[in-house]
PDB file of N, CA and C in Angstrom:
ATOM      1  N   MET A   1     149.034 128.698 121.256  1.00  0.00           N
ATOM      2  CA  MET A   1     148.038 127.922 120.425  1.00  0.00           C
ATOM      3  C   MET A   1     148.673 128.310 118.989  1.00  0.00           C
ATOM      4  N   SER A   2     148.444 127.218 118.145  1.00  0.00           N
ATOM      5  CA  SER A   2     148.742 127.536 116.632  1.00  0.00           C
ATOM      6  C   SER A   2     147.971 128.291 116.056  1.00  0.00           C
ATOM      7  N   GLU A   3     148.133 128.325 114.582  1.00  0.00           N
ATOM      8  CA  GLU A   3     147.693 129.332 113.723  1.00  0.00           C
ATOM      9  C   GLU A   3     146.577 128.114 113.135  1.00  0.00           C
ATOM     10  N   PHE A   4     146.368 127.123 113.470  1.00  0.00           N
ATOM     11  CA  PHE A   4     145.441 126.223 113.042  1.00  0.00           C
ATOM     12  C   PHE A   4     144.261 126.053 114.022  1.00  0.00           C
ATOM     13  N   GLN A   5     144.505 126.581 115.215  1.00  0.00           N
ATOM     14  CA  GLN A   5     143.533 126.462 116.481  1.00  0.00           C
ATOM     15  C   GLN A   5     142.970 127.364 116.712  1.00  0.00           C
ATOM     16  N   SER A   6     141.636 127.553 116.997  1.00  0.00           N
ATOM     17  CA  SER A   6     140.976 128.809 117.112  1.00  0.00           C
ATOM     18  C   SER A   6     140.310 128.830 118.748  1.00  0.00           C
ATOM     19  N   ALA A   7     140.334 130.059 119.470  1.00  0.00           N
ATOM     20  CA  ALA A   7     139.843 129.999 120.667  1.00  0.00           C
ATOM     21  C   ALA A   7     138.502 129.455 120.854  1.00  0.00           C
ATOM     22  N   GLN A   8     138.165 128.538 121.950  1.00  0.00           N
ATOM     23  CA  GLN A   8     137.158 127.679 122.212  1.00  0.00           C
ATOM     24  C   GLN A   8     136.024 128.758 122.815  1.00  0.00           C
ATOM     25  N   LEU A   9     134.838 128.830 122.180  1.00  0.00           N
ATOM     26  CA  LEU A   9     134.174 129.858 122.493  1.00  0.00           C
ATOM     27  C   LEU A   9     132.922 129.198 123.563  1.00  0.00           C
ATOM     28  N   GLU A  10     132.452 129.945 124.771  1.00  0.00           N
ATOM     29  CA  GLU A  10     131.061 128.983 125.253  1.00  0.00           C
ATOM     30  C   GLU A  10     130.196 129.118 124.393  1.00  0.00           C
ATOM     31  N   PRO A  11     129.318 127.836 124.390  1.00  0.00           N
ATOM     32  CA  PRO A  11     128.217 127.538 123.610  1.00  0.00           C
ATOM     33  C   PRO A  11     127.182 128.730 124.380  1.00  0.00           C
ATOM     34  N   LYS A  12     126.217 129.200 123.357  1.00  0.00           N
ATOM     35  CA  LYS A  12     125.125 130.037 123.817  1.00  0.00           C
ATOM     36  C   LYS A  12     123.839 129.138 122.993  1.00  0.00           C
ATOM     37  N   PRO A  13     123.226 128.848 123.667  1.00  0.00           N
ATOM     38  CA  PRO A  13     121.883 127.900 123.488  1.00  0.00           C
ATOM     39  C   PRO A  13     121.165 128.825 122.348  1.00  0.00           C
ATOM     40  N   LEU A  14     120.797 128.499 121.426  1.00  0.00           N
ATOM     41  CA  LEU A  14     120.064 128.903 120.408  1.00  0.00           C
ATOM     42  C   LEU A  14     118.201 128.556 120.743  1.00  0.00           C
ATOM     43  N   GLN A  15     117.911 129.793 120.432  1.00  0.00           N
ATOM     44  CA  GLN A  15     116.455 129.996 120.643  1.00  0.00           C
ATOM     45  C   GLN A  15     115.905 129.006 119.400  1.00  0.00           C
ATOM     46  N   PRO A  16     114.604 128.283 120.019  1.00  0.00           N
ATOM     47  CA  PRO A  16     113.571 127.244 119.121  1.00  0.00           C
ATOM     48  C   PRO A  16     113.558 127.923 117.821  1.00  0.00           C
ATOM     49  N   GLU A  17     112.855 129.100 117.894  1.00  0.00           N
ATOM     50  CA  GLU A  17     112.450 130.106 116.883  1.00  0.00           C
ATOM     51  C   GLU A  17     113.073 130.572 115.797  1.00  0.00           C
ATOM     52  N   THR A  18     114.542 130.694 116.045  1.00  0.00           N
ATOM     53  CA  THR A  18     115.593 131.225 115.482  1.00  0.00           C
ATOM     54  C   THR A  18     115.564 130.275 113.765  1.00  0.00           C
ATOM     55  N   SER A  19     115.457 131.199 112.746  1.00  0.00           N
ATOM     56  CA  SER A  19     115.308 130.632 111.529  1.00  0.00           C
ATOM     57  C   SER A  19     116.612 130.621 110.958  1.00  0.00           C
ATOM     58  N   PHE A  20     117.031 129.768 110.066  1.00  0.00           N
ATOM     59  CA  PHE A  20     118.112 129.529 109.415  1.00  0.00           C
ATOM     60  C   PHE A  20     117.811 130.895 108.393  1.00  0.00           C
ATOM     61  N   THR A  21     118.872 131.419 107.656  1.00  0.00           N
ATOM     62  CA  THR A  21     118.965 132.334 106.643  1.00  0.00           C
ATOM     63  C   THR A  21     119.515 131.908 105.562  1.00  0.00           C
ATOM     64  N   HIS A  22     119.038 132.505 104.256  1.00  0.00           N
ATOM     65  CA  HIS A  22     119.760 132.002 102.724  1.00  0.00           C
ATOM     66  C   HIS A  22     119.913 133.818 102.237  1.00  0.00           C
ATOM     67  N   LYS A  23     121.208 134.019 102.222  1.00  0.00           N
ATOM     68  CA  LYS A  23     121.400 135.295 101.568  1.00  0.00           C
ATOM     69  C   LYS A  23     120.876 136.422 102.494  1.00  0.00           C
ATOM     70  N   GLY A  24     120.867 136.283 103.894  1.00  0.00           N
ATOM     71  CA  GLY A  24     120.374 137.300 104.645  1.00  0.00           C
ATOM     72  C   GLY A  24     118.834 137.139 104.540  1.00  0.00           C
ATOM     73  N   GLN A  25     118.128 136.251 104.008  1.00  0.00           N
ATOM     74  CA  GLN A  25     116.606 136.492 104.457  1.00  0.00           C
ATOM     75  C   GLN A  25     116.109 135.110 105.198  1.00  0.00           C
ATOM     76  N   PRO A  26     114.935 135.032 105.961  1.00  0.00           N
ATOM     77  CA  PRO A  26     115.068 134.050 106.820  1.00  0.00           C
ATOM     78  C   PRO A  26     114.598 132.544 105.929  1.00  0.00           C
ATOM     79  N   ALA A  27     114.697 131.616 106.366  1.00  0.00           N
ATOM     80  CA  ALA A  27     114.233 130.404 105.291  1.00  0.00           C
ATOM     81  C   ALA A  27     113.112 129.986 105.943  1.00  0.00           C
ATOM     82  N   SER A  28     112.289 129.198 105.480  1.00  0.00           N
ATOM     83  CA  SER A  28     110.766 128.719 106.149  1.00  0.00           C
ATOM     84  C   SER A  28     111.015 127.704 107.170  1.00  0.00           C
ATOM     85  N   PHE A  29     112.262 127.435 107.853  1.00  0.00           N
ATOM     86  CA  PHE A  29     112.445 126.212 108.581  1.00  0.00           C
ATOM     87  C   PHE A  29     113.194 126.872 109.736  1.00  0.00           C
ATOM     88  N   SER A  30     112.901 126.596 111.025  1.00  0.00           N
ATOM     89  CA  SER A  30     113.839 127.109 112.297  1.00  0.00           C
ATOM     90  C   SER A  30     114.783 126.023 112.806  1.00  0.00           C
ATOM     91  N   VAL A  31     115.530 126.660 113.978  1.00  0.00           N
ATOM     92  CA  VAL A  31     116.291 125.587 114.741  1.00  0.00           C
ATOM     93  C   VAL A  31     115.391 124.542 115.334  1.00  0.00           C
ATOM     94  N   LEU A  32     114.034 124.900 115.628  1.00  0.00           N
ATOM     95  CA  LEU A  32     113.429 123.394 116.317  1.00  0.00           C
ATOM     96  C   LEU A  32     112.843 122.840 114.951  1.00  0.00           C
ATOM     97  N   ASP A  33     112.693 123.002 114.098  1.00  0.00           N
ATOM     98  CA  ASP A  33     112.383 121.966 113.159  1.00  0.00           C
ATOM     99  C   ASP A  33     113.549 121.098 112.397  1.00  0.00           C
ATOM    100  N   PHE A  34     114.821 121.562 112.784  1.00  0.00           N
ATOM    101  CA  PHE A  34     116.220 120.922 112.590  1.00  0.00           C
ATOM    102  C   PHE A  34     116.447 119.846 113.883  1.00  0.00           C
ATOM    103  N   TRP A  35     115.940 120.557 115.006  1.00  0.00           N
ATOM    104  CA  TRP A  35     115.767 119.361 116.425  1.00  0.00           C
ATOM    105  C   TRP A  35     115.036 118.545 115.969  1.00  0.00           C
ATOM    106  N   VAL A  36     113.802 118.591 115.784  1.00  0.00           N
ATOM    107  CA  VAL A  36     112.742 117.698 115.490  1.00  0.00           C
ATOM    108  C   VAL A  36     113.537 116.666 114.547  1.00  0.00           C
ATOM    109  N   TRP A  37     113.653 117.068 113.177  1.00  0.00           N
ATOM    110  CA  TRP A  37     114.242 116.123 112.583  1.00  0.00           C
ATOM    111  C   TRP A  37     115.487 115.351 113.057  1.00  0.00           C
ATOM    112  N   ILE A  38     116.894 115.927 113.545  1.00  0.00           N
ATOM    113  CA  ILE A  38     117.746 115.041 113.759  1.00  0.00           C
ATOM    114  C   ILE A  38     117.637 114.591 114.971  1.00  0.00           C
ATOM    115  N   ALA A  39     116.703 114.681 115.918  1.00  0.00           N
ATOM    116  CA  ALA A  39     116.864 113.849 117.334  1.00  0.00           C
ATOM    117  C   ALA A  39     115.846 113.520 117.955  1.00  0.00           C
ATOM    118  N   SER A  40     114.544 113.316 116.817  1.00  0.00           N
ATOM    119  CA  SER A  40     113.263 112.793 117.444  1.00  0.00           C
ATOM    120  C   SER A  40     113.280 111.276 117.919  1.00  0.00           C
ATOM    121  N   ASP A  41     114.405 110.269 117.593  1.00  0.00           N
ATOM    122  CA  ASP A  41     114.330 109.044 117.668  1.00  0.00           C
ATOM    123  C   ASP A  41     115.386 108.924 118.548  1.00  0.00           C
ATOM    124  N   VAL A  42     115.256 109.092 119.979  1.00  0.00           N
ATOM    125  CA  VAL A  42     116.116 109.275 121.090  1.00  0.00           C
ATOM    126  C   VAL A  42     116.770 107.521 121.467  1.00  0.00           C
ATOM    127  N   LEU A  43     116.014 106.955 120.738  1.00  0.00           N
ATOM    128  CA  LEU A  43     116.779 105.522 121.388  1.00  0.00           C
ATOM    129  C   LEU A  43     117.440 104.698 120.160  1.00  0.00           C
ATOM    130  N   ASN A  44     117.955 105.721 118.978  1.00  0.00           N
ATOM    131  CA  ASN A  44     118.446 105.076 117.897  1.00  0.00           C
ATOM    132  C   ASN A  44     119.958 104.992 118.494  1.00  0.00           C
ATOM    133  N   ASN A  45     120.840 104.124 117.658  1.00  0.00           N
ATOM    134  CA  ASN A  45     122.240 104.029 118.240  1.00  0.00           C
ATOM    135  C   ASN A  45     123.175 105.255 118.201  1.00  0.00           C
ATOM    136  N   THR A  46     122.758 106.199 117.288  1.00  0.00           N
ATOM    137  CA  THR A  46     123.634 107.456 117.174  1.00  0.00           C
ATOM    138  C   THR A  46     123.376 108.323 118.535  1.00  0.00           C
ATOM    139  N   LEU A  47     122.139 108.353 118.763  1.00  0.00           N
ATOM    140  CA  LEU A  47     121.561 109.177 120.009  1.00  0.00           C
ATOM    141  C   LEU A  47     122.029 108.600 121.432  1.00  0.00           C
ATOM    142  N   ARG A  48     121.537 107.116 121.430  1.00  0.00           N
ATOM    143  CA  ARG A  48     121.138 106.542 122.729  1.00  0.00           C
ATOM    144  C   ARG A  48     122.377 107.493 123.738  1.00  0.00           C
ATOM    145  N   GLY A  49     123.542 107.208 123.476  1.00  0.00           N
ATOM    146  CA  GLY A  49     124.713 107.601 124.131  1.00  0.00           C
ATOM    147  C   GLY A  49     124.617 108.814 124.915  1.00  0.00           C
ATOM    148  N   MET A  50     123.985 109.957 123.677  1.00  0.00           N
ATOM    149  CA  MET A  50     124.014 111.140 124.047  1.00  0.00           C
ATOM    150  C   MET A  50     122.848 111.416 125.009  1.00  0.00           C
ATOM    151  N   VAL A  51     121.972 110.524 124.966  1.00  0.00           N
ATOM    152  CA  VAL A  51     120.728 110.678 125.889  1.00  0.00           C
ATOM    153  C   VAL A  51     120.864 110.302 127.303  1.00  0.00           C
ATOM    154  N   ALA A  52     121.786 109.245 127.154  1.00  0.00           N
ATOM    155  CA  ALA A  52     122.158 108.617 128.539  1.00  0.00           C
ATOM    156  C   ALA A  52     123.183 109.919 129.256  1.00  0.00           C
ATOM    157  N   GLU A  53     124.374 110.315 128.292  1.00  0.00           N
ATOM    158  CA  GLU A  53     125.078 111.317 129.339  1.00  0.00           C
ATOM    159  C   GLU A  53     124.261 112.716 129.563  1.00  0.00           C
ATOM    160  N   TYR A  54     123.294 112.698 129.034  1.00  0.00           N
ATOM    161  CA  TYR A  54     122.138 113.849 129.004  1.00  0.00           C
ATOM    162  C   TYR A  54     121.787 113.940 130.653  1.00  0.00           C
ATOM    163  N   ILE A  55     121.098 112.235 130.571  1.00  0.00           N
ATOM    164  CA  ILE A  55     120.550 111.993 131.993  1.00  0.00           C
ATOM    165  C   ILE A  55     121.702 112.133 133.156  1.00  0.00           C
ATOM    166  N   VAL A  56     122.725 111.716 132.728  1.00  0.00           N
ATOM    167  CA  VAL A  56     123.629 111.617 133.773  1.00  0.00           C
ATOM    168  C   VAL A  56     124.604 113.227 134.313  1.00  0.00           C
ATOM    169  N   SER A  57     124.419 113.856 133.320  1.00  0.00           N
ATOM    170  CA  SER A  57     124.714 115.300 133.583  1.00  0.00           C
ATOM    171  C   SER A  57     123.826 115.911 134.281  1.00  0.00           C
ATOM    172  N   GLN A  58     122.646 115.826 134.314  1.00  0.00           N
ATOM    173  CA  GLN A  58     121.615 116.548 134.848  1.00  0.00           C
ATOM    174  C   GLN A  58     121.662 115.854 136.106  1.00  0.00           C
ATOM    175  N   ALA A  59     121.662 114.691 136.330  1.00  0.00           N
ATOM    176  CA  ALA A  59     121.836 114.171 137.923  1.00  0.00           C
ATOM    177  C   ALA A  59     122.857 114.448 138.630  1.00  0.00           C
ATOM    178  N   THR A  60     124.150 114.523 137.917  1.00  0.00           N
ATOM    179  CA  THR A  60     125.356 114.966 138.507  1.00  0.00           C
ATOM    180  C   THR A  60     125.692 116.491 138.470  1.00  0.00           C
ATOM    181  N   GLY A  61     124.803 117.140 138.040  1.00  0.00           N
ATOM    182  CA  GLY A  61     125.170 118.645 138.084  1.00  0.00           C
ATOM    183  C   GLY A  61     126.252 118.994 136.852  1.00  0.00           C
ATOM    184  N   ALA A  62     126.893 117.971 136.312  1.00  0.00           N
ATOM    185  CA  ALA A  62     127.790 118.083 135.282  1.00  0.00           C
ATOM    186  C   ALA A  62     127.679 118.910 134.051  1.00  0.00           C
ATOM    187  N   CYS A  63     126.571 119.654 133.781  1.00  0.00           N
ATOM    188  CA  CYS A  63     126.321 120.163 132.652  1.00  0.00           C
ATOM    189  C   CYS A  63     126.967 121.697 132.909  1.00  0.00           C
ATOM    190  N   LEU A  64     127.183 122.290 131.841  1.00  0.00           N
ATOM    191  CA  LEU A  64     127.648 123.647 131.656  1.00  0.00           C
ATOM    192  C   LEU A  64     126.798 124.637 132.510  1.00  0.00           C
ATOM    193  N   ALA A  65     127.016 124.764 133.551  1.00  0.00           N
ATOM    194  CA  ALA A  65     126.208 125.985 134.603  1.00  0.00           C
ATOM    195  C   ALA A  65     125.632 126.989 133.822  1.00  0.00           C
ATOM    196  N   GLY A  66     124.438 127.264 133.780  1.00  0.00           N
ATOM    197  CA  GLY A  66     123.691 128.157 133.125  1.00  0.00           C
ATOM    198  C   GLY A  66     123.528 128.361 131.645  1.00  0.00           C
ATOM    199  N   THR A  67     123.993 127.390 131.179  1.00  0.00           N
ATOM    200  CA  THR A  67     124.119 127.523 129.653  1.00  0.00           C
ATOM    201  C   THR A  67     122.957 126.442 128.661  1.00  0.00           C
ATOM    202  N   GLY A  68     122.985 125.352 129.688  1.00  0.00           N
ATOM    203  CA  GLY A  68     121.773 124.443 129.060  1.00  0.00           C
ATOM    204  C   GLY A  68     122.666 124.013 127.766  1.00  0.00           C
ATOM    205  N   THR A  69     123.716 123.669 127.417  1.00  0.00           N
ATOM    206  CA  THR A  69     124.185 123.282 126.285  1.00  0.00           C
ATOM    207  C   THR A  69     125.396 122.117 126.772  1.00  0.00           C
ATOM    208  N   LYS A  70     125.568 121.298 125.547  1.00  0.00           N
ATOM    209  CA  LYS A  70     126.670 120.538 125.653  1.00  0.00           C
ATOM    210  C   LYS A  70     127.805 121.014 124.995  1.00  0.00           C
ATOM    211  N   PHE A  71     129.142 121.152 125.201  1.00  0.00           N
ATOM    212  CA  PHE A  71     130.038 121.341 124.401  1.00  0.00           C
ATOM    213  C   PHE A  71     131.114 120.192 124.552  1.00  0.00           C
ATOM    214  N   ALA A  72     131.430 119.576 123.698  1.00  0.00           N
ATOM    215  CA  ALA A  72     132.023 118.547 123.330  1.00  0.00           C
ATOM    216  C   ALA A  72     133.400 118.374 123.805  1.00  0.00           C
ATOM    217  N   SER A  73     134.243 119.519 123.804  1.00  0.00           N
ATOM    218  CA  SER A  73     135.229 119.420 124.307  1.00  0.00           C
ATOM    219  C   SER A  73     135.698 120.323 125.450  1.00  0.00           C
ATOM    220  N   SER A  74     134.142 120.413 125.959  1.00  0.00           N
ATOM    221  CA  SER A  74     134.574 121.039 127.448  1.00  0.00           C
ATOM    222  C   SER A  74     135.511 120.287 128.957  1.00  0.00           C
ATOM    223  N   ALA A  75     135.409 121.048 129.533  1.00  0.00           N
ATOM    224  CA  ALA A  75     136.237 120.659 130.805  1.00  0.00           C
ATOM    225  C   ALA A  75     135.432 119.834 131.710  1.00  0.00           C
ATOM    226  N   THR A  76     134.041 119.894 131.398  1.00  0.00           N
ATOM    227  CA  THR A  76     133.108 119.396 132.300  1.00  0.00           C
ATOM    228  C   THR A  76     132.462 118.389 131.512  1.00  0.00           C
ATOM    229  N   SER A  77     133.178 117.904 130.605  1.00  0.00           N
ATOM    230  CA  SER A  77     132.819 116.527 130.055  1.00  0.00           C
ATOM    231  C   SER A  77     132.735 115.432 131.009  1.00  0.00           C
ATOM    232  N   LEU A  78     131.531 114.783 130.933  1.00  0.00           N
ATOM    233  CA  LEU A  78     131.494 113.535 131.940  1.00  0.00           C
ATOM    234  C   LEU A  78     132.559 112.544 132.247  1.00  0.00           C
ATOM    235  N   ASN A  79     133.386 112.454 131.138  1.00  0.00           N
ATOM    236  CA  ASN A  79     134.866 111.497 131.093  1.00  0.00           C
ATOM    237  C   ASN A  79     135.915 112.460 132.313  1.00  0.00           C
ATOM    238  N   ARG A  80     135.534 113.148 132.422  1.00  0.00           N
ATOM    239  CA  ARG A  80     136.363 114.188 133.527  1.00  0.00           C
ATOM    240  C   ARG A  80     135.980 114.187 134.905  1.00  0.00           C
ATOM    241  N   LEU A  81     134.688 113.148 135.164  1.00  0.00           N
ATOM    242  CA  LEU A  81     134.163 113.219 136.365  1.00  0.00           C
ATOM    243  C   LEU A  81     135.215 112.469 137.352  1.00  0.00           C
ATOM    244  N   ALA A  82     135.597 111.301 136.882  1.00  0.00           N
ATOM    245  CA  ALA A  82     136.259 110.351 137.673  1.00  0.00           C
ATOM    246  C   ALA A  82     137.464 111.037 138.303  1.00  0.00           C
TER     247      ALA A  82
END
């Protein structure tokens, strides 16, 4: 591993009620607020592929066991199922 690479950590799911912070103080918005803002339109071009990947990962059991999270460079990526 080079000095420019970091060890990849297993993703840990965030809790929806987790608040963002600024200078150590909780902000007035949460992780759930962000998820609603960023991903409410699941049929737009940006998210459509991720929605399909999620459905396939659930159907095939390819999601990371026990985490419920997607890790972009994970060995369990759907493109490695073939």
